[in-house]
C-alpha atoms as a PDB file:
ATOM      1  CA  MET A   1     -27.795  12.849  44.743  1.00  0.00           C
ATOM      2  CA  ALA A   2     -27.234  14.281  41.233  1.00  0.00           C
ATOM      3  CA  ASP A   3     -26.807  11.668  38.388  1.00  0.00           C
ATOM      4  CA  LYS A   4     -23.286  11.024  37.475  1.00  0.00           C
ATOM      5  CA  ASN A   5     -22.427  12.705  34.256  1.00  0.00           C
ATOM      6  CA  PRO A   6     -20.572  10.081  31.717  1.00  0.00           C
ATOM      7  CA  THR A   7     -18.212  12.713  30.834  1.00  0.00           C
ATOM      8  CA  ASP A   8     -16.817  12.677  34.161  1.00  0.00           C
ATOM      9  CA  GLN A   9     -15.550   9.037  33.830  1.00  0.00           C
ATOM     10  CA  PRO A  10     -11.818   8.865  33.424  1.00  0.00           C
ATOM     11  CA  ASP A  11     -10.854   8.367  29.697  1.00  0.00           C
ATOM     12  CA  LYS A  12      -9.942   5.008  28.633  1.00  0.00           C
ATOM     13  CA  LYS A  13      -8.440   3.717  25.551  1.00  0.00           C
ATOM     14  CA  VAL A  14     -10.943   1.742  23.677  1.00  0.00           C
ATOM     15  CA  ILE A  15      -9.979  -0.689  20.751  1.00  0.00           C
ATOM     16  CA  ILE A  16     -12.582  -1.989  18.749  1.00  0.00           C
ATOM     17  CA  THR A  17     -12.373  -3.991  15.378  1.00  0.00           C
ATOM     18  CA  ARG A  18     -14.397  -3.429  12.071  1.00  0.00           C
ATOM     19  CA  ARG A  19     -16.403  -6.478  12.842  1.00  0.00           C
ATOM     20  CA  GLN A  20     -17.105  -5.328  16.218  1.00  0.00           C
ATOM     21  CA  ALA A  21     -18.224  -1.835  14.844  1.00  0.00           C
ATOM     22  CA  LEU A  22     -20.496  -3.279  12.219  1.00  0.00           C
ATOM     23  CA  LYS A  23     -22.087  -5.806  14.225  1.00  0.00           C
ATOM     24  CA  VAL A  24     -23.098  -3.158  16.760  1.00  0.00           C
ATOM     25  CA  MET A  25     -24.412  -0.811  14.156  1.00  0.00           C
ATOM     26  CA  GLY A  26     -25.999  -3.781  12.202  1.00  0.00           C
ATOM     27  CA  ALA A  27     -27.704  -5.169  15.290  1.00  0.00           C
ATOM     28  CA  THR A  28     -28.858  -1.955  16.632  1.00  0.00           C
ATOM     29  CA  GLY A  29     -29.888  -0.154  13.313  1.00  0.00           C
ATOM     30  CA  CYS A  30     -29.146   2.998  15.525  1.00  0.00           C
ATOM     31  CA  ALA A  31     -27.632   6.054  13.897  1.00  0.00           C
ATOM     32  CA  VAL A  32     -27.203   7.380  17.592  1.00  0.00           C
ATOM     33  CA  ILE A  33     -24.555   4.619  18.238  1.00  0.00           C
ATOM     34  CA  ALA A  34     -22.905   5.237  14.823  1.00  0.00           C
ATOM     35  CA  THR A  35     -22.478   8.999  15.515  1.00  0.00           C
ATOM     36  CA  GLN A  36     -21.185   8.168  19.102  1.00  0.00           C
ATOM     37  CA  LEU A  37     -18.482   6.003  17.700  1.00  0.00           C
ATOM     38  CA  PHE A  38     -17.367   8.513  15.206  1.00  0.00           C
ATOM     39  CA  ASN A  39     -17.786  11.756  17.305  1.00  0.00           C
ATOM     40  CA  SER A  40     -16.337  10.865  20.650  1.00  0.00           C
ATOM     41  CA  GLY A  41     -15.772   7.087  20.623  1.00  0.00           C
ATOM     42  CA  PRO A  42     -13.011   4.952  19.212  1.00  0.00           C
ATOM     43  CA  PHE A  43     -13.334   6.194  15.850  1.00  0.00           C
ATOM     44  CA  SER A  44     -13.293   9.849  16.602  1.00  0.00           C
ATOM     45  CA  VAL A  45     -10.611  11.960  15.410  1.00  0.00           C
ATOM     46  CA  ASP A  46      -8.973  12.319  18.799  1.00  0.00           C
ATOM     47  CA  ALA A  47      -8.951   8.458  19.302  1.00  0.00           C
ATOM     48  CA  ILE A  48      -7.544   7.926  15.889  1.00  0.00           C
ATOM     49  CA  GLU A  49      -4.791  10.324  16.532  1.00  0.00           C
ATOM     50  CA  GLY A  50      -3.805   8.347  19.732  1.00  0.00           C
ATOM     51  CA  LEU A  51      -3.895   5.011  18.186  1.00  0.00           C
ATOM     52  CA  GLU A  52      -0.623   2.845  19.156  1.00  0.00           C
ATOM     53  CA  ARG A  53       0.580   1.594  15.807  1.00  0.00           C
ATOM     54  CA  VAL A  54       2.884  -1.358  16.625  1.00  0.00           C
ATOM     55  CA  THR A  55       5.118  -1.886  13.796  1.00  0.00           C
ATOM     56  CA  GLU A  56       8.580  -2.692  12.742  1.00  0.00           C
ATOM     57  CA  ALA A  57       9.122   0.534  10.870  1.00  0.00           C
ATOM     58  CA  ASP A  58      12.187   2.554  11.631  1.00  0.00           C
ATOM     59  CA  SER A  59      12.482   6.093  10.701  1.00  0.00           C
ATOM     60  CA  ARG A  60      16.289   5.731   9.570  1.00  0.00           C
ATOM     61  CA  TYR A  61      14.779   4.183   6.463  1.00  0.00           C
ATOM     62  CA  GLU A  62      12.754   5.610   3.658  1.00  0.00           C
ATOM     63  CA  TRP A  63      11.666   3.038   0.970  1.00  0.00           C
ATOM     64  CA  HIS A  64      11.440   4.104  -2.878  1.00  0.00           C
ATOM     65  CA  MET A  65      10.969   2.243  -5.973  1.00  0.00           C
ATOM     66  CA  VAL A  66      12.195   2.934  -9.490  1.00  0.00           C
ATOM     67  CA  ILE A  67      10.453   1.767 -12.444  1.00  0.00           C
ATOM     68  CA  ASP A  68      12.538   2.013 -15.648  1.00  0.00           C
ATOM     69  CA  LEU A  69       9.950   2.112 -18.635  1.00  0.00           C
ATOM     70  CA  ASN A  70      12.866   2.020 -21.126  1.00  0.00           C
ATOM     71  CA  LYS A  71      13.669  -1.248 -19.906  1.00  0.00           C
ATOM     72  CA  CYS A  72      10.398  -2.838 -19.166  1.00  0.00           C
ATOM     73  CA  VAL A  73       9.517  -5.470 -21.822  1.00  0.00           C
ATOM     74  CA  GLY A  74       5.784  -6.025 -20.511  1.00  0.00           C
ATOM     75  CA  CYS A  75       6.570  -9.685 -19.502  1.00  0.00           C
ATOM     76  CA  GLN A  76       4.005  -9.207 -16.543  1.00  0.00           C
ATOM     77  CA  TYR A  77       6.225 -11.252 -14.414  1.00  0.00           C
ATOM     78  CA  CYS A  78       5.991  -8.757 -11.742  1.00  0.00           C
ATOM     79  CA  ILE A  79       2.323  -8.829 -11.804  1.00  0.00           C
ATOM     80  CA  TRP A  80       2.096 -12.290 -11.241  1.00  0.00           C
ATOM     81  CA  ALA A  81       4.827 -12.516  -8.733  1.00  0.00           C
ATOM     82  CA  CYS A  82       3.067 -10.078  -6.697  1.00  0.00           C
ATOM     83  CA  GLN A  83      -0.367 -12.112  -6.762  1.00  0.00           C
ATOM     84  CA  ALA A  84       1.441 -15.359  -5.674  1.00  0.00           C
ATOM     85  CA  THR A  85       3.597 -13.581  -3.032  1.00  0.00           C
ATOM     86  CA  ASN A  86       0.776 -11.639  -1.700  1.00  0.00           C
ATOM     87  CA  ASN A  87      -1.985 -14.033  -2.095  1.00  0.00           C
ATOM     88  CA  VAL A  88      -4.074 -12.112  -4.580  1.00  0.00           C
ATOM     89  CA  PRO A  89      -5.829 -14.817  -6.599  1.00  0.00           C
ATOM     90  CA  GLU A  90      -8.286 -12.782  -8.455  1.00  0.00           C
ATOM     91  CA  ASP A  91      -6.839 -10.891 -11.677  1.00  0.00           C
ATOM     92  CA  ASP A  92      -9.337  -7.902 -10.892  1.00  0.00           C
ATOM     93  CA  MET A  93      -8.012  -7.436  -7.394  1.00  0.00           C
ATOM     94  CA  ARG A  94      -4.309  -7.128  -8.726  1.00  0.00           C
ATOM     95  CA  TRP A  95      -2.221  -4.988  -6.440  1.00  0.00           C
ATOM     96  CA  ASN A  96       0.265  -4.304  -9.278  1.00  0.00           C
ATOM     97  CA  ILE A  97      -1.541  -2.788 -12.292  1.00  0.00           C
ATOM     98  CA  GLY A  98       0.068  -3.519 -15.982  1.00  0.00           C
ATOM     99  CA  PHE A  99      -1.163  -2.221 -19.239  1.00  0.00           C
ATOM    100  CA  PRO A 100       0.240  -1.367 -22.817  1.00  0.00           C
ATOM    101  CA  GLU A 101       0.602   2.374 -23.275  1.00  0.00           C
ATOM    102  CA  LYS A 102       2.043   4.846 -26.059  1.00  0.00           C
ATOM    103  CA  THR A 103       3.942   8.140 -25.665  1.00  0.00           C
ATOM    104  CA  GLU A 104       2.604  11.346 -27.417  1.00  0.00           C
ATOM    105  CA  ASN A 105       4.540  10.727 -30.506  1.00  0.00           C
ATOM    106  CA  GLY A 106       3.140   6.972 -30.560  1.00  0.00           C
ATOM    107  CA  THR A 107       6.119   5.133 -29.115  1.00  0.00           C
ATOM    108  CA  ASP A 108       4.978   1.909 -27.502  1.00  0.00           C
ATOM    109  CA  PHE A 109       5.817   0.974 -23.857  1.00  0.00           C
ATOM    110  CA  TYR A 110       4.457  -1.028 -20.978  1.00  0.00           C
ATOM    111  CA  MET A 111       3.061   0.812 -17.884  1.00  0.00           C
ATOM    112  CA  THR A 112       3.096  -0.728 -14.387  1.00  0.00           C
ATOM    113  CA  ARG A 113       1.663   1.125 -11.421  1.00  0.00           C
ATOM    114  CA  PRO A 114       1.697  -0.315  -7.794  1.00  0.00           C
ATOM    115  CA  CYS A 115       0.652   1.731  -4.601  1.00  0.00           C
ATOM    116  CA  LEU A 116       2.972   4.659  -4.965  1.00  0.00           C
ATOM    117  CA  HIS A 117       2.982   4.978  -1.068  1.00  0.00           C
ATOM    118  CA  CYS A 118       2.523   8.861  -1.173  1.00  0.00           C
ATOM    119  CA  GLU A 119       4.127  10.813   1.670  1.00  0.00           C
ATOM    120  CA  ASP A 120       0.876  13.149   1.774  1.00  0.00           C
ATOM    121  CA  ALA A 121      -1.549  10.326   1.123  1.00  0.00           C
ATOM    122  CA  PRO A 122      -5.172  11.214   0.024  1.00  0.00           C
ATOM    123  CA  CYS A 123      -6.142   7.834   1.067  1.00  0.00           C
ATOM    124  CA  VAL A 124      -4.907   8.465   4.788  1.00  0.00           C
ATOM    125  CA  LYS A 125      -6.711  11.836   5.055  1.00  0.00           C
ATOM    126  CA  VAL A 126     -10.226  10.420   4.056  1.00  0.00           C
ATOM    127  CA  CYS A 127     -10.202   7.191   6.151  1.00  0.00           C
ATOM    128  CA  PRO A 128     -12.696   7.864   8.733  1.00  0.00           C
ATOM    129  CA  VAL A 129     -11.494   5.130  11.194  1.00  0.00           C
ATOM    130  CA  GLY A 130      -7.498   5.318  10.953  1.00  0.00           C
ATOM    131  CA  ALA A 131      -7.348   1.947   9.201  1.00  0.00           C
ATOM    132  CA  THR A 132      -4.721   3.220   6.907  1.00  0.00           C
ATOM    133  CA  TRP A 133      -1.549   5.428   7.722  1.00  0.00           C
ATOM    134  CA  VAL A 134       1.911   6.289   6.595  1.00  0.00           C
ATOM    135  CA  ARG A 135       4.523   4.301   8.712  1.00  0.00           C
ATOM    136  CA  GLU A 136       7.767   5.853   9.904  1.00  0.00           C
ATOM    137  CA  ASP A 137       9.570   4.169   6.991  1.00  0.00           C
ATOM    138  CA  GLY A 138       7.234   5.874   4.466  1.00  0.00           C
ATOM    139  CA  ILE A 139       5.059   2.970   3.632  1.00  0.00           C
ATOM    140  CA  VAL A 140       1.188   3.229   3.626  1.00  0.00           C
ATOM    141  CA  THR A 141       0.005   0.435   5.511  1.00  0.00           C
ATOM    142  CA  MET A 142      -3.453  -1.137   6.183  1.00  0.00           C
ATOM    143  CA  ASP A 143      -5.084  -2.379   9.388  1.00  0.00           C
ATOM    144  CA  TYR A 144      -7.734  -4.816   7.863  1.00  0.00           C
ATOM    145  CA  ASP A 145      -9.139  -5.482  11.276  1.00  0.00           C
ATOM    146  CA  ARG A 146      -9.997  -1.811  11.803  1.00  0.00           C
ATOM    147  CA  CYS A 147     -11.163  -1.329   8.254  1.00  0.00           C
ATOM    148  CA  ILE A 148     -15.055  -0.767   8.005  1.00  0.00           C
ATOM    149  CA  GLY A 149     -15.141  -1.078   3.993  1.00  0.00           C
ATOM    150  CA  CYS A 150     -16.500   2.454   3.328  1.00  0.00           C
ATOM    151  CA  ARG A 151     -14.295   2.685   0.205  1.00  0.00           C
ATOM    152  CA  TYR A 152     -13.266   6.344   0.792  1.00  0.00           C
ATOM    153  CA  CYS A 153      -9.732   5.755   0.407  1.00  0.00           C
ATOM    154  CA  GLU A 154     -10.465   4.030  -2.919  1.00  0.00           C
ATOM    155  CA  VAL A 155     -12.266   6.925  -4.165  1.00  0.00           C
ATOM    156  CA  ALA A 156      -9.507   9.345  -3.034  1.00  0.00           C
ATOM    157  CA  CYS A 157      -6.772   7.610  -4.357  1.00  0.00           C
ATOM    158  CA  PRO A 158      -5.728   9.658  -7.725  1.00  0.00           C
ATOM    159  CA  TYR A 159      -3.677   6.570  -8.926  1.00  0.00           C
ATOM    160  CA  ASP A 160      -6.476   3.847  -8.817  1.00  0.00           C
ATOM    161  CA  VAL A 161      -4.376   1.307  -6.815  1.00  0.00           C
ATOM    162  CA  ARG A 162      -6.884  -0.001  -4.285  1.00  0.00           C
ATOM    163  CA  ARG A 163      -9.155  -2.640  -4.360  1.00  0.00           C
ATOM    164  CA  PHE A 164     -12.373  -3.368  -2.413  1.00  0.00           C
ATOM    165  CA  ASN A 165     -12.722  -7.149  -1.608  1.00  0.00           C
ATOM    166  CA  TRP A 166     -16.487  -7.790  -2.594  1.00  0.00           C
ATOM    167  CA  LYS A 167     -16.445 -11.769  -1.657  1.00  0.00           C
ATOM    168  CA  THR A 168     -14.837 -14.134   0.446  1.00  0.00           C
ATOM    169  CA  PRO A 169     -11.483 -15.235  -1.283  1.00  0.00           C
ATOM    170  CA  THR A 170     -11.872 -18.879  -1.685  1.00  0.00           C
ATOM    171  CA  GLY A 171     -10.758 -19.517  -5.082  1.00  0.00           C
ATOM    172  CA  LYS A 172      -7.119 -21.404  -6.068  1.00  0.00           C
ATOM    173  CA  ASN A 173      -4.435 -19.138  -6.682  1.00  0.00           C
ATOM    174  CA  GLU A 174      -3.356 -20.158 -10.083  1.00  0.00           C
ATOM    175  CA  TYR A 175      -0.018 -18.313  -9.909  1.00  0.00           C
ATOM    176  CA  VAL A 176       1.037 -20.359  -7.018  1.00  0.00           C
ATOM    177  CA  PRO A 177       3.524 -21.993  -6.851  1.00  0.00           C
ATOM    178  CA  THR A 178       4.978 -21.151 -10.393  1.00  0.00           C
ATOM    179  CA  TRP A 179       5.566 -17.207  -9.399  1.00  0.00           C
ATOM    180  CA  GLY A 180       5.912 -17.684  -5.507  1.00  0.00           C
ATOM    181  CA  VAL A 181       4.278 -18.931  -2.413  1.00  0.00           C
ATOM    182  CA  PRO A 182       1.975 -16.904  -0.471  1.00  0.00           C
ATOM    183  CA  GLU A 183       3.583 -14.974   2.371  1.00  0.00           C
ATOM    184  CA  VAL A 184       0.500 -13.173   3.925  1.00  0.00           C
ATOM    185  CA  GLU A 185      -3.073 -14.325   4.565  1.00  0.00           C
ATOM    186  CA  ARG A 186      -5.836 -13.331   2.160  1.00  0.00           C
ATOM    187  CA  ARG A 187      -8.013 -10.468   3.169  1.00  0.00           C
ATOM    188  CA  SER A 188     -11.436 -10.825   4.209  1.00  0.00           C
ATOM    189  CA  ARG A 189     -14.678  -9.913   2.392  1.00  0.00           C
ATOM    190  CA  GLY A 190     -15.504  -6.110   2.984  1.00  0.00           C
ATOM    191  CA  VAL A 191     -11.953  -4.483   3.205  1.00  0.00           C
ATOM    192  CA  VAL A 192      -9.975  -2.424   0.761  1.00  0.00           C
ATOM    193  CA  GLU A 193      -6.421  -4.187   0.045  1.00  0.00           C
ATOM    194  CA  LYS A 194      -3.436  -2.770  -1.857  1.00  0.00           C
ATOM    195  CA  CYS A 195       0.348  -3.138  -2.592  1.00  0.00           C
ATOM    196  CA  THR A 196       2.361  -2.956   0.611  1.00  0.00           C
ATOM    197  CA  PHE A 197       5.902  -3.029  -1.107  1.00  0.00           C
ATOM    198  CA  CYS A 198       5.986  -6.663   0.380  1.00  0.00           C
ATOM    199  CA  VAL A 199       6.339  -5.129   3.772  1.00  0.00           C
ATOM    200  CA  GLN A 200       6.436  -8.512   5.427  1.00  0.00           C
ATOM    201  CA  ARG A 201       9.612  -9.020   3.466  1.00  0.00           C
ATOM    202  CA  ILE A 202      11.122  -5.768   4.558  1.00  0.00           C
ATOM    203  CA  ASP A 203      10.287  -6.275   8.333  1.00  0.00           C
ATOM    204  CA  ARG A 204      11.439  -9.797   8.257  1.00  0.00           C
ATOM    205  CA  GLY A 205      14.765  -9.218   6.424  1.00  0.00           C
ATOM    206  CA  LEU A 206      15.704  -6.215   8.715  1.00  0.00           C
ATOM    207  CA  SER A 207      15.339  -8.220  11.612  1.00  0.00           C
ATOM    208  CA  GLN A 208      17.605 -10.794  10.054  1.00  0.00           C
ATOM    209  CA  GLY A 209      20.141  -8.259   9.183  1.00  0.00           C
ATOM    210  CA  LEU A 210      19.236  -8.343   5.353  1.00  0.00           C
ATOM    211  CA  MET A 211      18.820  -5.049   3.450  1.00  0.00           C
ATOM    212  CA  PRO A 212      15.864  -4.546   1.433  1.00  0.00           C
ATOM    213  CA  GLY A 213      16.834  -3.640  -2.135  1.00  0.00           C
ATOM    214  CA  VAL A 214      20.127  -5.844  -1.623  1.00  0.00           C
ATOM    215  CA  ASP A 215      19.201  -9.007  -0.315  1.00  0.00           C
ATOM    216  CA  PRO A 216      16.474 -10.699  -2.452  1.00  0.00           C
ATOM    217  CA  GLN A 217      15.060 -12.274   0.507  1.00  0.00           C
ATOM    218  CA  ALA A 218      13.970  -8.838   1.905  1.00  0.00           C
ATOM    219  CA  THR A 219      13.082  -7.197  -1.466  1.00  0.00           C
ATOM    220  CA  PRO A 220       9.632  -6.714  -2.860  1.00  0.00           C
ATOM    221  CA  ALA A 221       8.831  -9.760  -5.161  1.00  0.00           C
ATOM    222  CA  CYS A 222       8.006  -7.497  -8.300  1.00  0.00           C
ATOM    223  CA  VAL A 223      11.775  -6.331  -7.950  1.00  0.00           C
ATOM    224  CA  ASN A 224      13.307  -9.681  -7.808  1.00  0.00           C
ATOM    225  CA  ILE A 225      11.555 -11.487 -10.536  1.00  0.00           C
ATOM    226  CA  CYS A 226      11.945  -8.893 -13.353  1.00  0.00           C
ATOM    227  CA  PRO A 227      14.221 -10.163 -15.930  1.00  0.00           C
ATOM    228  CA  VAL A 228      15.411  -7.140 -17.202  1.00  0.00           C
ATOM    229  CA  GLY A 229      16.166  -5.359 -14.064  1.00  0.00           C
ATOM    230  CA  ALA A 230      13.561  -2.798 -14.751  1.00  0.00           C
ATOM    231  CA  ARG A 231      12.561  -2.161 -11.080  1.00  0.00           C
ATOM    232  CA  GLN A 232      15.035  -0.852  -8.274  1.00  0.00           C
ATOM    233  CA  PHE A 233      14.255  -0.586  -4.615  1.00  0.00           C
ATOM    234  CA  GLY A 234      15.894   0.435  -1.404  1.00  0.00           C
ATOM    235  CA  ASN A 235      16.274   3.034   1.158  1.00  0.00           C
ATOM    236  CA  VAL A 236      16.817   6.653  -0.064  1.00  0.00           C
ATOM    237  CA  ASN A 237      18.395   7.668   3.159  1.00  0.00           C
ATOM    238  CA  ASP A 238      21.412   5.697   2.070  1.00  0.00           C
ATOM    239  CA  PRO A 239      23.369   7.400  -0.931  1.00  0.00           C
ATOM    240  CA  THR A 240      24.890   4.123  -1.490  1.00  0.00           C
ATOM    241  CA  SER A 241      21.771   2.068  -1.830  1.00  0.00           C
ATOM    242  CA  PRO A 242      20.651   0.810  -5.370  1.00  0.00           C
ATOM    243  CA  VAL A 243      17.751   2.936  -5.519  1.00  0.00           C
ATOM    244  CA  ALA A 244      19.512   5.973  -4.531  1.00  0.00           C
ATOM    245  CA  ILE A 245      22.299   5.315  -7.083  1.00  0.00           C
ATOM    246  CA  TYR A 246      19.738   4.806  -9.783  1.00  0.00           C
ATOM    247  CA  LEU A 247      17.843   7.818  -9.210  1.00  0.00           C
ATOM    248  CA  ASP A 248      21.236   9.808  -9.056  1.00  0.00           C
ATOM    249  CA  GLU A 249      22.066   8.541 -12.651  1.00  0.00           C
ATOM    250  CA  HIS A 250      18.690   8.723 -14.160  1.00  0.00           C
ATOM    251  CA  ASP A 251      16.250  11.276 -15.312  1.00  0.00           C
ATOM    252  CA  THR A 252      13.169  10.390 -13.633  1.00  0.00           C
ATOM    253  CA  PHE A 253       9.462  11.666 -12.917  1.00  0.00           C
ATOM    254  CA  ARG A 254       6.656  10.669 -10.548  1.00  0.00           C
ATOM    255  CA  LEU A 255       3.119  10.431 -11.706  1.00  0.00           C
ATOM    256  CA  ARG A 256       0.808  13.409 -11.062  1.00  0.00           C
ATOM    257  CA  GLU A 257       3.534  15.382  -9.184  1.00  0.00           C
ATOM    258  CA  ASP A 258       1.068  18.436  -9.363  1.00  0.00           C
ATOM    259  CA  LEU A 259      -1.011  16.812  -6.806  1.00  0.00           C
ATOM    260  CA  GLY A 260       1.685  17.291  -4.218  1.00  0.00           C
ATOM    261  CA  THR A 261       1.335  13.791  -3.041  1.00  0.00           C
ATOM    262  CA  GLU A 262       4.965  12.937  -2.986  1.00  0.00           C
ATOM    263  CA  PRO A 263       4.909   9.495  -4.157  1.00  0.00           C
ATOM    264  CA  LYS A 264       7.819   6.929  -3.524  1.00  0.00           C
ATOM    265  CA  VAL A 265       7.609   5.391  -7.021  1.00  0.00           C
ATOM    266  CA  HIS A 266       9.644   7.107  -9.777  1.00  0.00           C
ATOM    267  CA  TYR A 267       9.822   6.076 -13.434  1.00  0.00           C
ATOM    268  CA  VAL A 268      12.444   6.517 -16.060  1.00  0.00           C
ATOM    269  CA  ARG A 269      10.682   7.776 -19.312  1.00  0.00           C
ATOM    270  CA  PRO A 270      10.494   5.388 -22.358  1.00  0.00           C
ATOM    271  CA  ASP A 271      12.960   6.203 -25.021  1.00  0.00           C
ATOM    272  CA  VAL A 272      11.579   8.181 -28.069  1.00  0.00           C
ATOM    273  CA  ASN A 273      13.974   7.941 -31.156  1.00  0.00           C
ATOM    274  CA  GLY A 274      16.746   6.903 -29.072  1.00  0.00           C
ATOM    275  CA  GLN A 275      16.358   9.720 -26.468  1.00  0.00           C
ATOM    276  CA  GLU A 276      14.343   9.917 -23.189  1.00  0.00           C
ATOM    277  CA  ALA A 277      10.696  11.027 -23.800  1.00  0.00           C
END
């Protein structure tokens, strides 16, 4: 009787977490196992394309943000609110990056940069295990259980907005409760994390009949906290949304548009001698 060929077995969808994958590879120390996982196993291209993504995303919405650099005063409230709400205790792990900057003619302004949630995201293209992808509503999201910590996404991101978690997060978050309370669990050691547009608020808000960008409970923390209204957020598919109106009324740009990433974060230029730069 001929040996049964393993390839004759019926296809089965195999779900494996990053911990299981690392445990298998670490315990065996065998390159063959790793090759099988990535070539024909649950981390193969076919398996990743066939993943069932269970989210609350709805293609009727496409979430965008506008940051008005002309209004921003550099108070850093948006940064601190993000750290409190999204449980980011370490300053070197900040999801929302801020720093002083100058225009070409020397005008001072303050630059802030969250994840830009690119439509054609380089981070998604390079992830070998499908741990990051673009939801139907345009948010670039993460599956921390699936992430194997290879950091390819961090290297591929042209905007430097991804952070690798080098250690188990156990320290106190000094931004809690002054700037908000944690709404999500801390990520484990060995994964890459980033801004999510406070997706937990968006999904929860929509389920309760609230509209992100209009109702504060459903709007990203950085937008809510801004004391000068320098941030707008909402659904660009709705021409009456705050973000759509703001984009219509202001001349904006996006970072490195030449790369073709189609970011969903837009900027209003800072004033230079009373005119937009």
